[in-house]
Protein backbone atom coordinates (compact mmCIF):
# COMPACT_ATOMS: atom_id res chain seq x y z
CA UNK A 1 13.93 26.04 6.22
CA UNK A 2 13.15 25.24 9.84
CA UNK A 3 12.12 21.64 10.42
CA UNK A 4 9.58 21.95 13.25
CA UNK A 5 8.14 18.44 13.21
CA UNK A 6 9.71 17.30 16.46
CA UNK A 7 10.05 18.51 20.05
CA UNK A 8 12.09 17.20 22.98
CA UNK A 9 11.43 14.77 25.85
CA UNK A 10 14.13 13.30 28.10
CA UNK A 11 16.62 14.90 25.75
CA UNK A 12 15.21 12.81 22.87
CA UNK A 13 13.10 13.99 19.91
CA UNK A 14 9.31 13.75 20.10
CA UNK A 15 7.41 13.26 16.83
CA UNK A 16 4.74 15.93 16.51
CA UNK A 17 1.47 15.62 14.63
CA UNK A 18 0.64 18.14 11.90
CA UNK A 19 -2.85 19.48 12.61
CA UNK A 20 -4.28 22.51 10.78
CA UNK A 21 -0.79 23.57 9.73
CA UNK A 22 0.70 23.47 13.22
CA UNK A 23 3.10 20.90 14.62
CA UNK A 24 1.71 19.80 17.98
CA UNK A 25 2.40 17.07 20.51
CA UNK A 26 -0.43 14.59 20.99
CA UNK A 27 -2.33 14.73 24.26
CA UNK A 28 -2.54 10.99 24.86
CA UNK A 29 -0.36 8.01 25.69
CA UNK A 30 3.40 8.21 25.09
CA UNK A 31 5.11 5.60 22.88
CA UNK A 32 8.80 4.82 22.79
CA UNK A 33 10.39 4.77 19.35
CA UNK A 34 13.30 2.33 19.29
CA UNK A 35 15.75 1.65 16.50
CA UNK A 36 15.67 -2.06 15.63
CA UNK A 37 19.41 -1.91 14.99
CA UNK A 38 20.37 -1.65 18.67
CA UNK A 39 17.01 -1.42 20.49
CA UNK A 40 18.03 2.05 21.71
CA UNK A 41 15.26 4.61 22.34
CA UNK A 42 15.64 7.22 19.60
CA UNK A 43 12.55 9.24 20.42
CA UNK A 44 8.90 9.31 21.41
CA UNK A 45 5.45 9.89 19.96
CA UNK A 46 2.01 10.45 21.46
CA UNK A 47 -1.57 9.42 20.85
CA UNK A 48 -3.76 12.27 19.67
CA UNK A 49 -6.94 13.23 21.49
CA UNK A 50 -10.49 13.29 20.16
CA UNK A 51 -10.37 17.09 20.06
CA UNK A 52 -7.17 17.09 18.01
CA UNK A 53 -8.61 14.59 15.54
CA UNK A 54 -11.81 16.62 15.19
CA UNK A 55 -9.73 19.75 14.58
CA UNK A 56 -7.79 17.95 11.85
CA UNK A 57 -10.90 16.89 9.96
CA UNK A 58 -12.45 20.36 10.26
CA UNK A 59 -9.28 21.89 8.80
CA UNK A 60 -9.26 19.27 6.02
CA UNK A 61 -12.75 20.26 4.90
CA UNK A 62 -11.82 23.94 4.56
CA UNK A 63 -8.54 23.17 2.82
CA UNK A 64 -10.13 20.74 0.35
CA UNK A 65 -12.61 23.39 -0.83
CA UNK A 66 -9.84 25.95 -1.38
CA UNK A 67 -7.47 23.45 -3.07
CA UNK A 68 -10.14 22.18 -5.45
CA UNK A 69 -11.55 25.56 -6.47
CA UNK A 70 -8.92 28.23 -5.78
CA UNK A 71 -5.55 26.70 -6.69
CA UNK A 72 -4.96 26.37 -10.41
CA UNK A 73 -3.10 23.60 -12.18
CA UNK A 74 0.05 25.67 -12.81
CA UNK A 75 0.31 26.44 -9.10
CA UNK A 76 -0.17 22.78 -8.23
CA UNK A 77 2.53 21.77 -10.68
CA UNK A 78 4.90 24.30 -9.09
CA UNK A 79 4.14 22.84 -5.63
CA UNK A 80 4.93 19.33 -6.88
CA UNK A 81 8.23 20.52 -8.40
CA UNK A 82 9.14 22.23 -5.15
CA UNK A 83 8.35 19.04 -3.21
CA UNK A 84 10.65 17.05 -5.50
CA UNK A 85 13.37 19.67 -4.98
CA UNK A 86 13.08 19.48 -1.18
CA UNK A 87 13.08 15.69 -1.17
CA UNK A 88 16.30 15.67 -3.20
CA UNK A 89 17.84 18.31 -0.95
CA UNK A 90 17.13 16.30 2.19
CA UNK A 91 17.70 12.85 0.65
CA UNK A 92 20.78 12.02 2.81
CA UNK A 93 18.90 12.86 6.02
CA UNK A 94 15.86 10.89 4.89
CA UNK A 95 17.94 7.82 4.01
CA UNK A 96 19.68 7.97 7.38
CA UNK A 97 16.38 8.40 9.23
CA UNK A 98 14.65 5.52 7.39
CA UNK A 99 17.58 3.20 8.10
CA UNK A 100 17.69 4.15 11.76
CA UNK A 101 13.92 4.05 12.32
CA UNK A 102 12.97 1.06 10.15
CA UNK A 103 16.17 -0.99 10.06
CA UNK A 104 16.22 -1.00 6.26
CA UNK A 105 19.57 -1.28 4.54
CA UNK A 106 20.97 1.98 3.21
CA UNK A 107 20.45 0.77 -0.37
CA UNK A 108 16.75 -0.01 0.08
CA UNK A 109 16.22 3.15 2.14
CA UNK A 110 17.61 5.21 -0.72
CA UNK A 111 15.36 3.30 -3.14
CA UNK A 112 12.42 4.21 -0.91
CA UNK A 113 13.22 7.92 -1.18
CA UNK A 114 13.62 7.53 -4.93
CA UNK A 115 10.17 5.97 -5.19
CA UNK A 116 8.67 8.79 -3.13
CA UNK A 117 10.18 11.31 -5.57
CA UNK A 118 9.01 9.28 -8.57
CA UNK A 119 5.53 9.24 -7.08
CA UNK A 120 5.46 13.05 -6.91
CA UNK A 121 6.69 13.19 -10.50
CA UNK A 122 4.06 10.68 -11.61
CA UNK A 123 1.19 12.60 -10.04
CA UNK A 124 2.62 15.80 -11.45
CA UNK A 125 1.78 14.27 -14.82
CA UNK A 126 -1.62 13.12 -13.58
CA UNK A 127 -2.65 16.72 -12.86
CA UNK A 128 -3.23 17.33 -16.57
CA UNK A 129 -5.09 14.02 -16.97
CA UNK A 130 -8.12 15.00 -14.90
CA UNK A 131 -10.70 15.09 -17.62
CA UNK A 132 -14.26 14.22 -18.48
CA UNK A 133 -16.24 13.25 -21.54
CA UNK A 134 -19.22 14.02 -23.73
CA UNK A 135 -21.85 11.57 -24.96
CA UNK A 136 -24.81 11.94 -27.32
CA UNK A 137 -28.17 11.56 -25.61
CA UNK A 138 -31.10 9.41 -26.70
CA UNK A 139 -33.35 12.45 -26.99
CA UNK A 140 -32.92 15.68 -28.92
CA UNK A 141 -32.31 19.05 -27.23
CA UNK A 142 -30.28 17.34 -24.50
CA UNK A 143 -26.55 16.94 -23.76
CA UNK A 144 -24.64 14.51 -21.55
CA UNK A 145 -21.22 15.08 -19.99
CA UNK A 146 -19.23 13.40 -17.21
CA UNK A 147 -16.52 14.69 -14.91
CA UNK A 148 -14.14 13.33 -12.27
CA UNK A 149 -14.67 14.76 -8.80
CA UNK A 150 -12.84 14.35 -5.48
CA UNK A 151 -14.51 12.47 -2.66
CA UNK A 152 -13.59 15.24 -0.21
CA UNK A 153 -11.36 14.12 2.67
CA UNK A 154 -9.32 10.92 2.49
CA UNK A 155 -8.35 9.09 5.68
CA UNK A 156 -5.09 7.36 4.76
CA UNK A 157 -3.76 4.67 7.13
CA UNK A 158 -0.22 3.48 6.44
CA UNK A 159 2.13 0.76 7.79
CA UNK A 160 5.77 1.14 8.78
CA UNK A 161 7.51 -0.90 6.11
CA UNK A 162 7.71 1.53 3.17
CA UNK A 163 8.43 5.26 3.23
CA UNK A 164 6.90 5.51 -0.25
CA UNK A 165 3.43 4.21 0.69
CA UNK A 166 2.32 7.54 2.24
CA UNK A 167 3.30 9.25 -1.03
CA UNK A 168 0.90 7.03 -3.00
CA UNK A 169 -1.95 8.02 -0.74
CA UNK A 170 -1.10 11.70 -0.23
CA UNK A 171 -0.47 12.56 -3.87
CA UNK A 172 -3.20 10.30 -5.20
CA UNK A 173 -5.58 12.12 -2.85
CA UNK A 174 -4.59 15.73 -3.49
CA UNK A 175 -4.10 15.28 -7.24
CA UNK A 176 -7.73 14.20 -7.47
CA UNK A 177 -8.69 17.31 -5.46
CA UNK A 178 -9.07 15.81 -1.97
CA UNK A 179 -7.54 16.70 1.37
CA UNK A 180 -5.60 13.93 3.12
CA UNK A 181 -5.42 13.05 6.82
CA UNK A 182 -2.57 10.56 7.22
CA UNK A 183 -2.20 8.07 10.08
CA UNK A 184 1.21 6.41 10.23
CA UNK A 185 2.29 3.39 12.31
CA UNK A 186 3.63 4.29 15.76
CA UNK A 187 6.85 2.38 14.96
CA UNK A 188 7.97 4.93 12.36
CA UNK A 189 6.63 8.40 13.21
CA UNK A 190 9.66 10.47 12.22
CA UNK A 191 9.96 9.53 8.55
CA UNK A 192 6.32 10.45 7.92
CA UNK A 193 6.69 13.70 9.88
CA UNK A 194 9.68 14.64 7.73
CA UNK A 195 7.77 13.97 4.51
CA UNK A 196 4.61 15.86 5.54
CA UNK A 197 6.78 18.77 6.71
CA UNK A 198 8.45 19.02 3.30
CA UNK A 199 5.12 18.90 1.46
CA UNK A 200 3.66 21.70 3.56
CA UNK A 201 6.82 23.76 3.18
CA UNK A 202 6.51 23.37 -0.59
CA UNK A 203 2.91 24.64 -0.53
CA UNK A 204 3.95 27.59 1.62
CA UNK A 205 6.93 28.42 -0.60
CA UNK A 206 4.83 28.55 -3.78
CA UNK A 207 1.62 30.16 -2.53
CA UNK A 208 2.85 32.28 0.36
CA UNK A 209 1.79 32.46 4.00
CA UNK A 210 -1.61 34.09 3.43
CA UNK A 211 -2.87 31.51 0.94
CA UNK A 212 -1.25 28.68 2.89
CA UNK A 213 -3.49 29.59 5.83
CA UNK A 214 -6.42 28.31 3.73
CA UNK A 215 -4.52 25.10 2.90
CA UNK A 216 -3.06 24.26 6.30
CA UNK A 217 -5.36 21.25 6.53
CA UNK A 218 -4.64 19.86 3.05
CA UNK A 219 -1.99 17.32 4.13
CA UNK A 220 -2.08 16.50 7.84
CA UNK A 221 -0.43 13.83 9.96
CA UNK A 222 -1.83 12.06 13.02
CA UNK A 223 0.41 10.00 15.31
CA UNK A 224 -0.63 7.28 17.74
CA UNK A 225 -1.44 3.63 18.21
CA UNK A 226 -3.87 1.66 16.08
CA UNK A 227 -6.16 0.61 18.92
CA UNK A 228 -6.17 4.12 20.40
CA UNK A 229 -5.79 7.02 17.95
CA UNK A 230 -6.68 4.71 15.06
CA UNK A 231 -10.08 4.00 16.60
CA UNK A 232 -10.66 7.72 17.28
CA UNK A 233 -10.04 8.40 13.60
CA UNK A 234 -12.41 5.67 12.45
CA UNK A 235 -15.10 6.90 14.87
CA UNK A 236 -15.25 10.18 12.95
CA UNK A 237 -16.88 8.31 10.08
CA UNK A 238 -20.15 8.46 12.01
CA UNK A 239 -20.06 12.25 11.53
CA UNK A 240 -19.02 11.91 7.86
CA UNK A 241 -15.78 13.70 8.75
CA UNK A 242 -14.01 11.74 6.01
CA UNK A 243 -15.30 10.47 2.66
CA UNK A 244 -12.89 7.65 1.72
CA UNK A 245 -10.52 5.33 3.58
CA UNK A 246 -7.30 4.17 1.97
CA UNK A 247 -5.74 1.46 4.14
CA UNK A 248 -2.54 -0.56 3.84
CA UNK A 249 -1.79 -3.12 6.53
CA UNK A 250 -2.59 -6.57 7.89
CA UNK A 251 -5.55 -8.76 7.02
CA UNK A 252 -7.24 -8.69 10.42
CA UNK A 253 -6.94 -4.91 10.77
CA UNK A 254 -8.18 -4.58 7.21
CA UNK A 255 -11.30 -6.57 8.08
CA UNK A 256 -11.93 -4.24 11.02
CA UNK A 257 -11.46 -1.11 8.88
CA UNK A 258 -13.81 -2.52 6.22
CA UNK A 259 -16.46 -3.28 8.84
CA UNK A 260 -16.27 0.24 10.25
CA UNK A 261 -16.36 1.82 6.80
CA UNK A 262 -19.28 -0.39 5.81
CA UNK A 263 -21.26 0.60 8.89
CA UNK A 264 -20.98 4.26 7.76
CA UNK A 265 -21.35 3.42 4.05
CA UNK A 266 -18.03 5.11 3.36
CA UNK A 267 -16.00 3.62 0.49
CA UNK A 268 -12.57 2.16 1.20
CA UNK A 269 -9.77 0.41 -0.58
CA UNK A 270 -7.62 -2.11 1.21
CA UNK A 271 -4.12 -3.30 0.40
CA UNK A 272 -3.56 -6.20 2.78
CA UNK A 273 -1.22 -9.15 3.22
CA UNK A 274 0.24 -11.48 0.68
CA UNK A 275 1.65 -14.98 0.36
CA UNK A 276 3.66 -14.56 -2.82
CA UNK A 277 4.49 -17.69 -4.80
CA UNK A 278 7.03 -18.17 -7.58
CA UNK A 279 6.61 -21.12 -9.95
CA UNK A 280 9.89 -22.30 -11.51
CA UNK A 281 9.75 -24.46 -14.63
CA UNK A 282 12.75 -26.49 -15.77
CA UNK A 283 13.35 -24.50 -18.98
CA UNK A 284 14.38 -21.42 -16.99
CA UNK A 285 18.00 -20.55 -16.20
CA UNK A 286 18.71 -21.93 -12.72
CA UNK A 287 21.18 -19.26 -11.57
CA UNK A 288 18.79 -16.51 -12.59
CA UNK A 289 15.92 -18.28 -10.83
CA UNK A 290 18.00 -18.47 -7.63
CA UNK A 291 18.75 -14.74 -7.79
CA UNK A 292 15.08 -13.88 -8.31
CA UNK A 293 13.96 -16.11 -5.42
CA UNK A 294 16.48 -14.77 -2.90
CA UNK A 295 15.79 -11.13 -3.71
CA UNK A 296 12.01 -11.61 -3.61
CA UNK A 297 12.05 -13.64 -0.38
CA UNK A 298 14.74 -11.98 1.73
CA UNK A 299 14.88 -8.36 0.53
CA UNK A 300 13.92 -6.00 3.38
CA UNK A 301 14.20 -9.08 5.64
CA UNK A 302 11.00 -10.43 4.10
CA UNK A 303 9.00 -7.47 5.41
CA UNK A 304 7.14 -6.72 2.19
CA UNK A 305 3.54 -7.57 1.45
CA UNK A 306 4.74 -8.78 -1.96
CA UNK A 307 7.58 -10.92 -0.58
CA UNK A 308 7.83 -14.48 -1.88
CA UNK A 309 6.83 -16.96 0.83
CA UNK A 310 6.75 -20.16 -1.26
CA UNK A 311 8.51 -21.41 -4.39
CA UNK A 312 7.00 -24.25 -6.43
CA UNK A 313 9.86 -25.91 -8.34
CA UNK A 314 9.58 -28.61 -11.00
CA UNK A 315 11.01 -31.82 -9.59
CA UNK A 316 13.62 -32.21 -12.36
CA UNK A 317 15.43 -29.09 -11.10
CA UNK A 318 14.27 -29.03 -7.48
CA UNK A 319 17.56 -30.13 -5.92
CA UNK A 320 19.67 -27.71 -8.00
CA UNK A 321 17.43 -24.72 -7.32
CA UNK A 322 17.06 -25.59 -3.64
CA UNK A 323 20.79 -25.97 -3.05
CA UNK A 324 21.41 -22.79 -5.03
CA UNK A 325 19.01 -20.81 -2.84
CA UNK A 326 20.56 -22.12 0.39
CA UNK A 327 24.08 -21.41 -0.85
CA UNK A 328 23.21 -17.84 -1.86
CA UNK A 329 21.34 -17.10 1.38
CA UNK A 330 24.33 -18.31 3.40
CA UNK A 331 26.47 -15.68 1.66
CA UNK A 332 24.12 -12.78 2.49
CA UNK A 333 25.62 -10.22 4.86
CA UNK A 334 23.38 -9.78 7.89
CA UNK A 335 24.16 -6.82 10.10
CA UNK A 336 24.11 -3.08 10.58
CA UNK A 337 21.96 -1.70 7.75
CA UNK A 338 23.83 1.62 7.79
CA UNK A 339 26.68 -0.10 5.92
CA UNK A 340 26.09 -0.23 2.16
CA UNK A 341 27.48 -3.81 2.01
CA UNK A 342 24.74 -5.17 4.29
CA UNK A 343 22.07 -7.31 2.58
CA UNK A 344 19.69 -8.00 5.48
CA UNK A 345 18.98 -5.75 8.41
CA UNK A 346 16.85 -6.33 11.51
CA UNK A 347 13.10 -6.75 11.74
CA UNK A 348 11.14 -3.65 12.66
CA UNK A 349 11.06 -4.44 16.39
CA UNK A 350 11.72 -7.07 19.04
CA UNK A 351 7.98 -7.57 19.27
CA UNK A 352 7.81 -8.39 15.56
CA UNK A 353 10.80 -10.71 15.87
CA UNK A 354 8.98 -12.62 18.61
CA UNK A 355 5.87 -12.91 16.43
CA UNK A 356 7.95 -14.26 13.53
CA UNK A 357 9.74 -16.75 15.77
CA UNK A 358 6.47 -18.09 17.21
CA UNK A 359 5.16 -18.58 13.66
CA UNK A 360 8.34 -20.42 12.68
CA UNK A 361 8.02 -22.69 15.73
CA UNK A 362 4.39 -23.45 14.79
CA UNK A 363 5.56 -24.42 11.31
CA UNK A 364 8.36 -26.54 12.80
CA UNK A 365 5.73 -28.67 14.52
CA UNK A 366 5.05 -30.14 11.06
CA UNK A 367 8.51 -29.92 9.49
CA UNK A 368 11.93 -28.67 10.60
CA UNK A 369 13.70 -25.86 8.72
CA UNK A 370 16.84 -26.81 6.81
CA UNK A 371 18.39 -23.47 7.78
CA UNK A 372 17.62 -20.65 10.19
CA UNK A 373 14.67 -20.76 12.54
CA UNK A 374 16.20 -18.74 15.36
CA UNK A 375 16.80 -15.20 16.63
CA UNK A 376 20.29 -13.85 16.03
CA UNK A 377 21.62 -12.62 19.36
CA UNK A 378 25.38 -13.14 19.03
CA UNK A 379 27.34 -9.87 18.70
CA UNK A 380 24.19 -7.80 18.17
CA UNK A 381 21.65 -5.93 20.24
CA UNK A 382 19.17 -5.57 17.39
CA UNK A 383 16.03 -7.41 16.30
CA UNK A 384 17.79 -9.70 13.83
CA UNK A 385 16.28 -13.00 12.67
CA UNK A 386 18.11 -15.71 10.77
CA UNK A 387 16.93 -16.30 7.19
CA UNK A 388 14.83 -19.45 7.41
CA UNK A 389 14.07 -22.07 4.75
CA UNK A 390 11.60 -24.96 4.94
CA UNK A 391 11.53 -27.75 2.34
CA UNK A 392 8.40 -29.61 1.24
CA UNK A 393 6.36 -28.50 4.22
CA UNK A 394 2.87 -30.07 4.31
CA UNK A 395 0.11 -27.82 3.11
CA UNK A 396 -1.39 -27.60 6.58
CA UNK A 397 1.86 -26.26 8.08
CA UNK A 398 1.48 -22.78 9.54
CA UNK A 399 3.82 -21.02 7.09
CA UNK A 400 1.90 -22.49 4.15
CA UNK A 401 -1.39 -20.99 5.31
CA UNK A 402 -0.35 -17.66 6.83
CA UNK A 403 1.82 -14.70 5.92
CA UNK A 404 4.97 -14.60 8.04
CA UNK A 405 6.25 -11.03 7.83
CA UNK A 406 9.91 -11.90 8.04
CA UNK A 407 12.77 -13.75 6.27
CA UNK A 408 10.99 -17.10 5.95
CA UNK A 409 10.69 -19.14 2.73
CA UNK A 410 9.17 -22.53 1.84
CA UNK A 411 10.56 -24.54 -1.10
CA UNK A 412 8.09 -27.08 -2.52
CA UNK A 413 8.68 -29.79 -5.11
CA UNK A 414 6.20 -29.54 -7.98
CA UNK A 415 5.59 -33.07 -9.21
CA UNK A 416 5.94 -33.68 -12.93
CA UNK A 417 2.71 -34.33 -14.83
CA UNK A 418 2.21 -35.75 -18.32
CA UNK A 419 2.40 -32.31 -19.89
CA UNK A 420 3.82 -28.92 -18.90
CA UNK A 421 0.29 -27.51 -18.97
CA UNK A 422 -0.83 -30.08 -16.41
CA UNK A 423 2.18 -29.34 -14.20
CA UNK A 424 1.38 -25.63 -14.32
CA UNK A 425 -2.29 -26.37 -13.61
CA UNK A 426 -1.25 -28.09 -10.37
CA UNK A 427 0.78 -25.01 -9.38
CA UNK A 428 -2.16 -22.73 -10.20
CA UNK A 429 -4.43 -24.85 -8.01
CA UNK A 430 -2.02 -24.51 -5.06
CA UNK A 431 -1.76 -20.73 -5.50
CA UNK A 432 -5.49 -20.14 -5.91
CA UNK A 433 -6.34 -22.27 -2.87
CA UNK A 434 -4.28 -20.04 -0.56
CA UNK A 435 -6.89 -17.30 -0.51
CA UNK A 436 -4.21 -14.61 -0.85
CA UNK A 437 -3.75 -12.96 -4.21
CA UNK A 438 -1.40 -9.99 -4.17
CA UNK A 439 1.75 -10.80 -6.15
CA UNK A 440 2.86 -14.06 -7.77
CA UNK A 441 5.52 -14.97 -10.30
CA UNK A 442 6.26 -17.49 -13.03
CA UNK A 443 9.76 -18.31 -14.26
CA UNK A 444 9.58 -19.99 -17.65
CA UNK A 445 10.53 -19.25 -21.25
CA UNK A 446 7.48 -21.09 -22.61
CA UNK A 447 5.13 -18.43 -24.02
CA UNK A 448 2.09 -20.71 -23.79
CA UNK A 449 2.67 -21.35 -20.08
CA UNK A 450 3.09 -17.62 -19.52
CA UNK A 451 -0.20 -17.05 -21.33
CA UNK A 452 -2.03 -19.73 -19.30
CA UNK A 453 -0.66 -18.36 -16.01
CA UNK A 454 -1.98 -14.92 -16.94
CA UNK A 455 -5.42 -16.39 -17.50
CA UNK A 456 -5.64 -18.77 -14.55
CA UNK A 457 -3.81 -17.40 -11.50
CA UNK A 458 -6.08 -15.36 -9.23
CA UNK A 459 -3.81 -12.48 -8.32
CA UNK A 460 -3.67 -8.70 -8.44
CA UNK A 461 -0.10 -8.74 -9.79
CA UNK A 462 1.64 -11.38 -11.89
CA UNK A 463 5.32 -11.27 -12.75
CA UNK A 464 6.42 -13.40 -15.69
CA UNK A 465 10.18 -13.88 -15.84
CA UNK A 466 10.74 -12.15 -12.46
CA UNK A 467 10.10 -12.63 -8.75
CA UNK A 468 7.16 -11.16 -6.88
CA UNK A 469 8.52 -7.82 -5.71
CA UNK A 470 8.33 -4.35 -7.13
CA UNK A 471 5.57 -1.93 -8.08
CA UNK A 472 5.50 0.43 -11.02
CA UNK A 473 3.98 3.89 -10.66
CA UNK A 474 1.32 4.41 -13.29
CA UNK A 475 0.34 0.75 -13.00
CA UNK A 476 -2.28 -0.90 -10.81
CA UNK A 477 -1.27 -2.13 -7.35
CA UNK A 478 -3.56 -4.25 -5.18
CA UNK A 479 -4.84 -7.77 -4.67
CA UNK A 480 -7.79 -10.12 -4.47
CA UNK A 481 -9.13 -12.37 -1.72
CA UNK A 482 -7.38 -11.93 1.63
CA UNK A 483 -5.09 -9.44 -0.06
CA UNK A 484 -7.83 -6.82 -0.22
CA UNK A 485 -9.68 -4.85 -2.83
CA UNK A 486 -9.21 -1.61 -4.74
CA UNK A 487 -6.14 -0.41 -6.60
CA UNK A 488 -3.55 2.31 -6.04
CA UNK A 489 -0.56 3.58 -7.98
CA UNK A 490 -2.36 3.89 -11.31
CA UNK A 491 -3.57 7.43 -10.87
CA UNK A 492 -6.49 9.45 -9.66
CA UNK A 493 -9.18 6.85 -10.39
CA UNK A 494 -9.05 5.39 -6.87
CA UNK A 495 -9.40 8.81 -5.28
CA UNK A 496 -12.23 10.28 -7.36
CA UNK A 497 -15.74 9.44 -8.48
CA UNK A 498 -17.65 10.01 -11.73
CA UNK A 499 -20.32 12.70 -11.83
CA UNK A 500 -22.81 12.41 -14.70
CA UNK A 501 -24.26 15.76 -15.83
CA UNK A 502 -27.25 16.37 -18.12
CA UNK A 503 -28.38 19.62 -19.73
CA UNK A 504 -31.92 19.48 -21.12
CA UNK A 505 -32.96 22.35 -23.43
CA UNK A 506 -36.42 21.02 -24.36
CA UNK A 507 -39.05 23.70 -23.59
CA UNK A 508 -41.51 21.36 -21.84
CA UNK A 509 -41.19 19.06 -18.85
CA UNK A 510 -40.48 15.48 -19.84
CA UNK A 511 -39.06 12.18 -18.63
CA UNK A 512 -35.91 10.65 -20.04
CA UNK A 513 -37.84 8.11 -22.13
CA UNK A 514 -41.41 9.00 -23.20
CA UNK A 515 -43.38 7.11 -25.85
CA UNK A 516 -46.39 8.24 -27.86
CA UNK A 517 -49.55 8.44 -25.74
CA UNK A 518 -51.69 7.72 -28.81
CA UNK A 519 -49.65 4.63 -29.70
CA UNK A 520 -49.70 3.43 -26.08
CA UNK A 521 -53.51 3.80 -25.90
CA UNK A 522 -53.97 1.71 -29.05
CA UNK A 523 -51.52 -0.95 -27.81
CA UNK A 524 -53.28 -1.35 -24.48
CA UNK A 525 -56.71 -1.49 -26.15
CA UNK A 526 -55.67 -4.41 -28.37
CA UNK A 527 -53.82 -6.40 -25.67
CA UNK A 528 -55.32 -9.18 -23.53
CA UNK A 529 -54.85 -8.90 -19.77
CA UNK A 530 -52.74 -11.59 -18.07
CA UNK A 531 -54.96 -11.56 -14.99
CA UNK A 532 -58.72 -11.30 -15.32
CA UNK A 533 -60.97 -9.96 -12.60
């Protein structure tokens, strides 16, 4: 199989966009793609032009019609199996590419590929779950049925931090019968190109070249910057070129996407930032709590929307948990993520490292970190940042109010109240006042406290007995408040709508609810008017 998703520029690869089944170089601004490991230029990508974007949406419309009506479920299942096969075949190359492009450790890069494959397998099962229902009607000689239908074309906008996120959107979209136009972050163009290439090759392998020509626009990929190509894509909503937006990214960009979608009355779901909090009660094993906190806060260098940013610890165990976290973080291996032993790799870019550092300095205006708080420059050329821990920062400190997308954690003493329920209530108040509500956790063995947390914490995801990270396919993923709205991961519900269908066999024209004219005449005759002339 020939991988045609990149060209050459200055003897470096250029990420191509996939438009109407062809891999083409964008006609706009050129972006450097640098590995965060060494800051070396590893390739380039381009903005796409208005004409290229318009061509993509036109191809999506044709492909969606053919996919929905002309490709049967057995053929779709075969395509999904072939995609899984290709992903497994090219797993080593994908892991290497993700590590080089994103700076993820080899272990987490491999987990990312695994989740992509699991996503294809999950939606393979969803294909047979597209169903409707029948309901008795109020009137005789009439039937009522409902069906799930695709929106049409999904505009999917993805960040750089997880290879698996595009799979949620692509396979959620096409399983429900839609076409998908994917926009990936300019920081990581190659991993998305690789994935879209494999999916299209799977379609071609199962259906053949002639039928693929009708499906060339089913899964397309657009490269470019958010403020350039991203705006061109959103502008197409005015022409109803797309029918649903699925966005994952930052809060401010999410607001902008929602405003644009709202102006066109196009539905969207948003998975935005988080400020994950773990509450640790004193009946929980301390060593296990420490392990959960460190993994949730510093995995992927804190570059997860579900990363833990604050831990609320009962005061009776605060010192033990705090010292345990610091001790464990000090033992983490920070370095080249291509080595399996490495625990923490670099941030995605030098620009992101500078953003994180400025946020840490703003927080330090209120309280100094007990560890970290600086860029790692010794013996490295990469965008490494030292794991940073604040203790008992005031609630108005920057890190307590904003998501810092990096290895930064705040440990807060949770003052003991008269009862455990009152102590938990104080923690709930702190969490709910943040405004974010993506993923939160509670570490306790007390079943009543676990029950109360489930009832009271405003969050899209609640872990009881674990940290804040991780998402299960087949389960709902999404948040509330600043963390967005809508859910993904569960299945086709987010990418389809309900169509209600009636069949009326009554021989005469009638309304849905019609009373007796004779009875109505008698009722009106005997009633007194409310307003007299």
